[in-house]
């Protein structure tokens, strides 16, 4: 499978068009199977484009429903909603991101002080543990910046429960190397595997499951299949979501960031965009190929914005906006939100309808999918 992922909207739309026919029964029945990096993936591989919103969730769900109908596309549509659920959950509990960053720093202090832990960590990230499958996935992450979703779950479970490594260091390893690394999905998926997202409900990688869903490619021995879930003090309570800011009327400067690179569809009301700037804020420690993908995606968005709005567009520099009021798409918790200067933050209806339902488990979102799709006129 081609895992070069050209980071343009055109490339994302092309991948969407090629995968649409597989969003029904083929996806539901085969999505857990990882055939390896040299074979076509059983998943859509749209996440690098969705992560940066080069293509939007609405576009992807609309394509699935048009091709397969609500029943046929149900499983695929739910997976798209999971991505927005995770963003909403982290948005209502931003302390979890702060906690994660603190645990990463603590993990690196432990690596410096504990030689045994450091050796285990180095063997894990270099693919030298001797665990069949795990070592291959570690090398695949580093070499291709990609990994099948089911393999990510196995990897995280082995990292936490068999190798006994700090979960946050594994989450950071993913975020640094994966071209679709998303602060919310990545952090909360690792917490879910460890049994922290849903307290006491953890995911244990099992030898038979790996053998089955890799079609016999891997048969790892020695996994801890009886480990207990991780524990922590009570997670922070949900906080009230800040309402979207009113969009100024008249001339504005539009600020793009890596969490939303489809400016053509932003709900800007009566604002007239006369200048566009691009703010690059990479994940901490992101490897060069991920940073290059970010730059390519931003360049593509700036070129499209310049054509769409008929105005200058380029990287953010000192005084780039002059005296113009600045407007930006809402940046969910993560590096972009931390780097965003004071501005009017505009929320899409998709997020506005889903995030308030993401305060607890996924069920609240899942139950509301038909209502949400009707509200955004996706059928």
Protein backbone atom coordinates (compact mmCIF):
# COMPACT_ATOMS: atom_id res chain seq x y z
CA UNK A 1 0.00 0.00 0.00
CA UNK A 2 1.18 3.53 -0.78
CA UNK A 3 1.80 5.25 2.55
CA UNK A 4 3.42 8.40 1.26
CA UNK A 5 0.21 10.38 1.92
CA UNK A 6 0.56 13.49 -0.25
CA UNK A 7 -0.83 16.15 2.07
CA UNK A 8 -3.23 17.98 -0.19
CA UNK A 9 -6.99 18.20 -0.27
CA UNK A 10 -6.98 16.77 -3.78
CA UNK A 11 -5.09 13.70 -2.58
CA UNK A 12 -7.51 13.28 0.32
CA UNK A 13 -10.51 13.49 -1.99
CA UNK A 14 -8.89 10.97 -4.33
CA UNK A 15 -8.33 8.52 -1.48
CA UNK A 16 -11.91 9.08 -0.33
CA UNK A 17 -13.25 8.34 -3.80
CA UNK A 18 -11.18 5.16 -4.08
CA UNK A 19 -12.26 3.84 -0.68
CA UNK A 20 -15.96 4.74 -0.80
CA UNK A 21 -16.99 1.40 -2.31
CA UNK A 22 -15.36 -0.36 0.66
CA UNK A 23 -17.17 1.63 3.41
CA UNK A 24 -19.99 -0.89 3.76
CA UNK A 25 -19.86 -4.61 4.50
CA UNK A 26 -16.21 -4.92 3.46
CA UNK A 27 -15.18 -2.40 6.10
CA UNK A 28 -17.42 -3.80 8.83
CA UNK A 29 -16.16 -7.33 8.28
CA UNK A 30 -12.51 -6.69 7.56
CA UNK A 31 -11.43 -3.54 9.39
CA UNK A 32 -9.69 -5.44 12.20
CA UNK A 33 -7.41 -7.39 9.87
CA UNK A 34 -3.85 -6.08 9.50
CA UNK A 35 -2.27 -7.64 6.42
CA UNK A 36 0.96 -5.71 6.75
CA UNK A 37 2.58 -2.62 5.26
CA UNK A 38 2.98 -4.11 1.79
CA UNK A 39 -0.74 -4.86 1.39
CA UNK A 40 -3.77 -2.65 0.89
CA UNK A 41 -5.12 -1.56 4.27
CA UNK A 42 -8.51 -2.80 5.47
CA UNK A 43 -9.17 0.66 6.88
CA UNK A 44 -9.68 3.85 4.90
CA UNK A 45 -6.31 5.53 5.66
CA UNK A 46 -8.19 8.84 5.55
CA UNK A 47 -7.06 9.83 9.04
CA UNK A 48 -4.05 11.97 7.94
CA UNK A 49 -6.50 14.13 5.98
CA UNK A 50 -9.23 14.16 8.63
CA UNK A 51 -6.70 14.99 11.34
CA UNK A 52 -5.85 18.24 9.51
CA UNK A 53 -9.35 18.66 8.07
CA UNK A 54 -8.06 18.75 4.54
CA UNK A 55 -11.28 16.82 4.07
CA UNK A 56 -14.14 17.10 6.54
CA UNK A 57 -16.00 14.52 8.56
CA UNK A 58 -19.25 15.59 6.90
CA UNK A 59 -17.84 14.90 3.45
CA UNK A 60 -16.63 11.44 4.44
CA UNK A 61 -19.87 10.44 6.17
CA UNK A 62 -21.94 11.78 3.27
CA UNK A 63 -19.94 9.66 0.83
CA UNK A 64 -20.42 6.53 2.95
CA UNK A 65 -24.17 7.06 3.32
CA UNK A 66 -24.66 7.84 -0.36
CA UNK A 67 -22.87 4.65 -1.36
CA UNK A 68 -24.16 2.21 1.26
CA UNK A 69 -27.12 3.73 3.12
CA UNK A 70 -27.49 4.11 6.90
CA UNK A 71 -27.42 0.37 7.68
CA UNK A 72 -24.65 -0.59 5.30
CA UNK A 73 -22.40 2.29 6.35
CA UNK A 74 -23.25 2.14 10.06
CA UNK A 75 -19.92 0.78 11.30
CA UNK A 76 -17.83 3.14 9.19
CA UNK A 77 -19.92 6.17 10.16
CA UNK A 78 -19.54 5.31 13.84
CA UNK A 79 -15.76 5.23 13.48
CA UNK A 80 -15.80 8.74 12.01
CA UNK A 81 -17.92 9.88 14.96
CA UNK A 82 -15.43 8.33 17.38
CA UNK A 83 -12.82 10.81 16.17
CA UNK A 84 -15.06 13.78 16.95
CA UNK A 85 -16.15 12.19 20.22
CA UNK A 86 -12.55 12.01 21.38
CA UNK A 87 -12.00 15.67 20.47
CA UNK A 88 -15.12 16.69 22.36
CA UNK A 89 -14.21 14.59 25.37
CA UNK A 90 -10.77 16.18 25.62
CA UNK A 91 -12.29 19.61 25.00
CA UNK A 92 -14.55 19.14 28.02
CA UNK A 93 -11.68 17.73 30.10
CA UNK A 94 -8.62 19.76 29.05
CA UNK A 95 -6.88 18.80 32.31
CA UNK A 96 -6.36 15.34 30.80
CA UNK A 97 -4.06 16.87 28.17
CA UNK A 98 -2.16 18.81 30.82
CA UNK A 99 -1.88 15.61 32.84
CA UNK A 100 -0.58 13.74 29.80
CA UNK A 101 2.10 16.36 29.15
CA UNK A 102 3.16 16.14 32.79
CA UNK A 103 3.34 12.34 32.63
CA UNK A 104 5.53 12.53 29.52
CA UNK A 105 7.95 14.83 31.33
CA UNK A 106 7.90 12.54 34.37
CA UNK A 107 8.51 9.52 32.13
CA UNK A 108 11.61 11.11 30.62
CA UNK A 109 12.93 11.94 34.10
CA UNK A 110 12.47 8.28 35.03
CA UNK A 111 14.28 7.15 31.89
CA UNK A 112 17.25 9.30 32.86
CA UNK A 113 17.28 7.94 36.41
CA UNK A 114 16.32 4.25 35.98
CA UNK A 115 18.66 2.27 33.76
CA UNK A 116 16.44 -0.81 33.61
CA UNK A 117 13.43 1.18 32.48
CA UNK A 118 15.59 3.05 29.97
CA UNK A 119 16.86 -0.21 28.42
CA UNK A 120 13.32 -1.58 28.11
CA UNK A 121 12.14 1.67 26.53
CA UNK A 122 15.00 1.76 24.04
CA UNK A 123 14.39 -1.85 23.01
CA UNK A 124 10.69 -1.07 22.56
CA UNK A 125 11.04 2.00 20.34
CA UNK A 126 13.85 0.38 18.32
CA UNK A 127 11.96 -2.89 17.81
CA UNK A 128 14.39 -5.06 19.78
CA UNK A 129 12.15 -6.62 22.47
CA UNK A 130 12.01 -10.06 20.87
CA UNK A 131 8.19 -9.96 20.88
CA UNK A 132 6.86 -11.18 17.57
CA UNK A 133 4.76 -8.51 15.90
CA UNK A 134 5.53 -5.76 18.39
CA UNK A 135 9.04 -5.24 17.06
CA UNK A 136 7.73 -5.17 13.50
CA UNK A 137 5.14 -2.54 14.41
CA UNK A 138 7.73 -0.40 16.17
CA UNK A 139 9.89 -0.40 13.05
CA UNK A 140 6.85 0.20 10.82
CA UNK A 141 5.91 3.28 12.82
CA UNK A 142 9.40 4.74 12.50
CA UNK A 143 9.91 3.79 8.85
CA UNK A 144 6.46 4.57 7.41
CA UNK A 145 4.87 6.92 9.99
CA UNK A 146 1.78 4.74 9.86
CA UNK A 147 0.24 1.72 11.59
CA UNK A 148 -3.05 -0.14 11.21
CA UNK A 149 -5.52 0.83 13.94
CA UNK A 150 -5.83 -2.68 15.37
CA UNK A 151 -2.05 -2.99 15.51
CA UNK A 152 -1.94 0.30 17.43
CA UNK A 153 -4.16 -1.26 20.08
CA UNK A 154 -1.99 -4.40 20.31
CA UNK A 155 1.16 -2.27 20.47
CA UNK A 156 -0.22 -0.03 23.22
CA UNK A 157 -1.44 -3.00 25.25
CA UNK A 158 1.90 -4.82 25.04
CA UNK A 159 3.73 -1.58 25.88
CA UNK A 160 1.63 -1.06 29.01
CA UNK A 161 0.90 -4.55 30.33
CA UNK A 162 3.73 -6.78 29.08
CA UNK A 163 6.67 -4.38 28.96
CA UNK A 164 5.33 -2.31 31.89
CA UNK A 165 6.35 0.98 30.32
CA UNK A 166 4.63 4.29 31.19
CA UNK A 167 1.62 4.72 28.94
CA UNK A 168 2.28 8.41 28.30
CA UNK A 169 5.71 7.67 26.83
CA UNK A 170 4.07 5.28 24.37
CA UNK A 171 1.45 7.87 23.49
CA UNK A 172 4.23 10.41 22.90
CA UNK A 173 6.09 7.92 20.67
CA UNK A 174 2.96 7.62 18.53
CA UNK A 175 2.30 11.36 18.41
CA UNK A 176 5.90 12.07 17.38
CA UNK A 177 5.97 9.53 14.54
CA UNK A 178 2.48 8.98 13.15
CA UNK A 179 1.48 11.16 10.20
CA UNK A 180 -2.11 11.15 11.50
CA UNK A 181 -1.13 11.76 15.12
CA UNK A 182 -4.10 13.51 16.72
CA UNK A 183 -3.80 14.86 20.29
CA UNK A 184 -7.29 13.79 21.33
CA UNK A 185 -7.61 10.42 19.57
CA UNK A 186 -4.07 9.43 20.48
CA UNK A 187 -4.17 10.42 24.16
CA UNK A 188 -7.61 9.02 24.87
CA UNK A 189 -7.04 5.81 22.90
CA UNK A 190 -3.96 5.07 25.02
CA UNK A 191 -5.97 5.86 28.15
CA UNK A 192 -8.73 3.54 26.91
CA UNK A 193 -6.29 0.68 26.32
CA UNK A 194 -4.87 1.18 29.81
CA UNK A 195 -8.30 1.16 31.47
CA UNK A 196 -8.28 4.85 32.42
CA UNK A 197 -10.76 6.30 29.92
CA UNK A 198 -13.44 3.82 30.96
CA UNK A 199 -12.36 3.05 34.50
CA UNK A 200 -11.35 -0.60 34.91
CA UNK A 201 -12.13 -1.52 31.28
CA UNK A 202 -8.78 -2.17 29.61
CA UNK A 203 -7.70 -3.84 26.40
CA UNK A 204 -5.41 -6.85 26.63
CA UNK A 205 -3.50 -7.97 23.55
CA UNK A 206 -3.97 -11.72 23.20
CA UNK A 207 -1.79 -14.11 21.24
CA UNK A 208 -4.70 -15.80 19.48
CA UNK A 209 -6.29 -12.48 18.51
CA UNK A 210 -3.04 -11.24 16.99
CA UNK A 211 -2.47 -14.50 15.15
CA UNK A 212 -6.03 -14.41 13.77
CA UNK A 213 -6.15 -10.79 12.66
CA UNK A 214 -2.67 -10.75 11.15
CA UNK A 215 -3.63 -13.88 9.20
CA UNK A 216 -0.86 -15.85 10.89
CA UNK A 217 1.94 -13.36 10.22
CA UNK A 218 2.63 -12.97 13.95
CA UNK A 219 2.35 -15.37 16.88
CA UNK A 220 3.74 -13.60 19.96
CA UNK A 221 4.55 -15.66 23.04
CA UNK A 222 4.89 -14.37 26.59
CA UNK A 223 2.20 -11.68 26.57
CA UNK A 224 0.62 -10.79 29.91
CA UNK A 225 -2.99 -11.65 29.16
CA UNK A 226 -4.16 -11.37 32.78
CA UNK A 227 -2.90 -7.92 33.74
CA UNK A 228 -5.10 -5.59 35.75
CA UNK A 229 -6.17 -2.21 34.44
CA UNK A 230 -4.15 0.86 35.29
CA UNK A 231 -5.42 3.04 38.09
CA UNK A 232 -5.36 6.75 38.77
CA UNK A 233 -7.19 9.21 41.00
CA UNK A 234 -10.56 10.36 39.78
CA UNK A 235 -10.35 11.95 36.35
CA UNK A 236 -11.22 15.65 36.22
CA UNK A 237 -14.92 16.49 35.88
CA UNK A 238 -16.27 17.80 32.62
CA UNK A 239 -16.17 21.56 32.20
CA UNK A 240 -18.61 23.73 30.30
CA UNK A 241 -17.70 24.27 26.67
CA UNK A 242 -16.96 27.84 25.73
CA UNK A 243 -19.47 29.14 23.18
CA UNK A 244 -18.28 30.01 19.72
CA UNK A 245 -17.21 33.62 19.27
CA UNK A 246 -19.24 36.00 17.12
CA UNK A 247 -17.62 36.58 13.74
CA UNK A 248 -16.79 40.23 13.10
CA UNK A 249 -18.46 41.85 10.13
CA UNK A 250 -16.44 43.63 7.52
CA UNK A 251 -12.84 42.92 6.61
CA UNK A 252 -10.95 40.28 8.64
CA UNK A 253 -7.72 38.32 8.60
CA UNK A 254 -8.23 34.54 8.63
CA UNK A 255 -5.72 32.49 10.61
CA UNK A 256 -5.30 28.86 9.55
CA UNK A 257 -3.93 26.13 11.83
CA UNK A 258 -3.22 22.41 11.49
CA UNK A 259 -6.52 21.27 13.02
CA UNK A 260 -8.67 22.84 10.30
CA UNK A 261 -7.32 23.34 6.79
CA UNK A 262 -10.56 23.64 4.85
CA UNK A 263 -11.17 27.40 5.01
CA UNK A 264 -13.57 27.26 2.06
CA UNK A 265 -16.31 25.78 4.26
CA UNK A 266 -15.84 27.79 7.46
CA UNK A 267 -19.02 29.53 8.69
CA UNK A 268 -17.75 33.10 8.44
CA UNK A 269 -21.07 34.90 8.13
CA UNK A 270 -20.71 38.41 6.74
CA UNK A 271 -16.95 38.63 7.25
CA UNK A 272 -14.84 39.57 4.26
CA UNK A 273 -11.49 37.76 4.33
CA UNK A 274 -8.80 40.04 2.92
CA UNK A 275 -5.72 38.33 4.31
CA UNK A 276 -4.89 34.75 5.29
CA UNK A 277 -2.07 33.54 7.52
CA UNK A 278 -0.89 30.02 8.32
CA UNK A 279 0.19 29.04 11.83
CA UNK A 280 2.33 25.89 12.07
CA UNK A 281 2.38 24.33 15.51
CA UNK A 282 3.72 20.77 15.38
CA UNK A 283 3.31 18.15 18.08
CA UNK A 284 6.17 18.20 20.56
CA UNK A 285 9.03 16.07 19.28
CA UNK A 286 7.41 15.45 15.88
CA UNK A 287 9.86 13.81 13.48
CA UNK A 288 10.84 15.60 10.29
CA UNK A 289 8.56 13.57 8.01
CA UNK A 290 5.54 14.49 10.14
CA UNK A 291 6.62 18.13 10.21
CA UNK A 292 7.05 18.02 6.44
CA UNK A 293 3.53 16.64 6.06
CA UNK A 294 2.24 19.49 8.21
CA UNK A 295 4.02 22.05 6.05
CA UNK A 296 2.72 20.48 2.84
CA UNK A 297 -0.84 20.49 4.18
CA UNK A 298 -0.56 24.12 5.25
CA UNK A 299 0.89 25.18 1.89
CA UNK A 300 -2.01 23.48 0.13
CA UNK A 301 -4.57 25.19 2.37
CA UNK A 302 -2.96 28.61 1.91
CA UNK A 303 -3.00 28.22 -1.88
CA UNK A 304 -6.67 27.21 -1.83
CA UNK A 305 -7.54 30.07 0.55
CA UNK A 306 -5.81 32.61 -1.68
CA UNK A 307 -7.80 31.39 -4.67
CA UNK A 308 -11.10 31.12 -2.77
CA UNK A 309 -10.99 34.50 -1.05
CA UNK A 310 -8.97 36.32 -3.73
CA UNK A 311 -6.47 37.74 -1.27
CA UNK A 312 -2.85 37.29 -0.13
CA UNK A 313 -2.09 34.16 1.90
CA UNK A 314 1.16 33.07 3.50
CA UNK A 315 2.92 32.02 6.71
CA UNK A 316 2.24 34.07 9.82
CA UNK A 317 4.89 36.71 10.38
CA UNK A 318 5.14 39.69 12.72
CA UNK A 319 2.18 42.07 12.23
CA UNK A 320 0.83 39.84 9.44
CA UNK A 321 -2.76 40.93 10.18
CA UNK A 322 -2.06 44.62 10.68
CA UNK A 323 -5.07 46.23 12.37
CA UNK A 324 -7.56 43.69 11.00
CA UNK A 325 -9.60 41.57 13.46
CA UNK A 326 -8.38 37.98 13.34
CA UNK A 327 -10.70 35.01 12.88
CA UNK A 328 -9.75 31.32 13.14
CA UNK A 329 -11.46 27.96 13.10
CA UNK A 330 -11.85 26.54 16.59
CA UNK A 331 -8.67 24.72 17.61
CA UNK A 332 -9.38 21.78 19.92
CA UNK A 333 -7.08 21.07 22.86
CA UNK A 334 -3.53 20.47 21.68
CA UNK A 335 -0.56 22.29 20.13
CA UNK A 336 -2.60 24.51 17.80
CA UNK A 337 -4.87 25.71 20.58
CA UNK A 338 -1.86 26.46 22.77
CA UNK A 339 -0.21 28.51 20.01
CA UNK A 340 -3.30 30.38 18.81
CA UNK A 341 -3.18 34.13 19.61
CA UNK A 342 -6.27 36.01 20.83
CA UNK A 343 -8.85 35.91 18.03
CA UNK A 344 -12.47 35.12 17.24
CA UNK A 345 -12.75 31.32 17.23
CA UNK A 346 -15.42 29.91 14.95
CA UNK A 347 -16.93 26.50 15.62
CA UNK A 348 -18.36 24.28 12.91
CA UNK A 349 -21.86 22.87 13.39
CA UNK A 350 -20.41 19.34 13.30
CA UNK A 351 -18.37 19.98 16.44
CA UNK A 352 -21.01 22.16 18.09
CA UNK A 353 -23.55 19.35 17.90
CA UNK A 354 -21.25 16.50 18.95
CA UNK A 355 -18.89 17.90 21.58
CA UNK A 356 -21.54 18.63 24.26
CA UNK A 357 -22.57 14.96 24.04
CA UNK A 358 -18.99 13.73 24.53
CA UNK A 359 -18.72 14.36 28.26
CA UNK A 360 -18.94 10.67 29.20
CA UNK A 361 -18.88 7.50 27.12
CA UNK A 362 -19.43 7.21 23.38
CA UNK A 363 -23.04 5.99 23.78
CA UNK A 364 -24.46 9.52 24.10
CA UNK A 365 -22.92 10.43 20.76
CA UNK A 366 -23.81 7.12 19.11
CA UNK A 367 -27.47 7.44 20.10
CA UNK A 368 -27.66 10.93 18.63
CA UNK A 369 -26.04 10.15 15.25
CA UNK A 370 -29.30 10.25 13.24
CA UNK A 371 -30.29 13.55 14.87
CA UNK A 372 -26.85 15.07 14.28
CA UNK A 373 -26.76 13.99 10.64
CA UNK A 374 -30.20 15.49 10.05
CA UNK A 375 -29.13 18.76 11.66
CA UNK A 376 -26.07 19.08 9.38
CA UNK A 377 -28.14 17.89 6.41
CA UNK A 378 -26.15 14.72 5.76
CA UNK A 379 -28.38 11.88 4.57
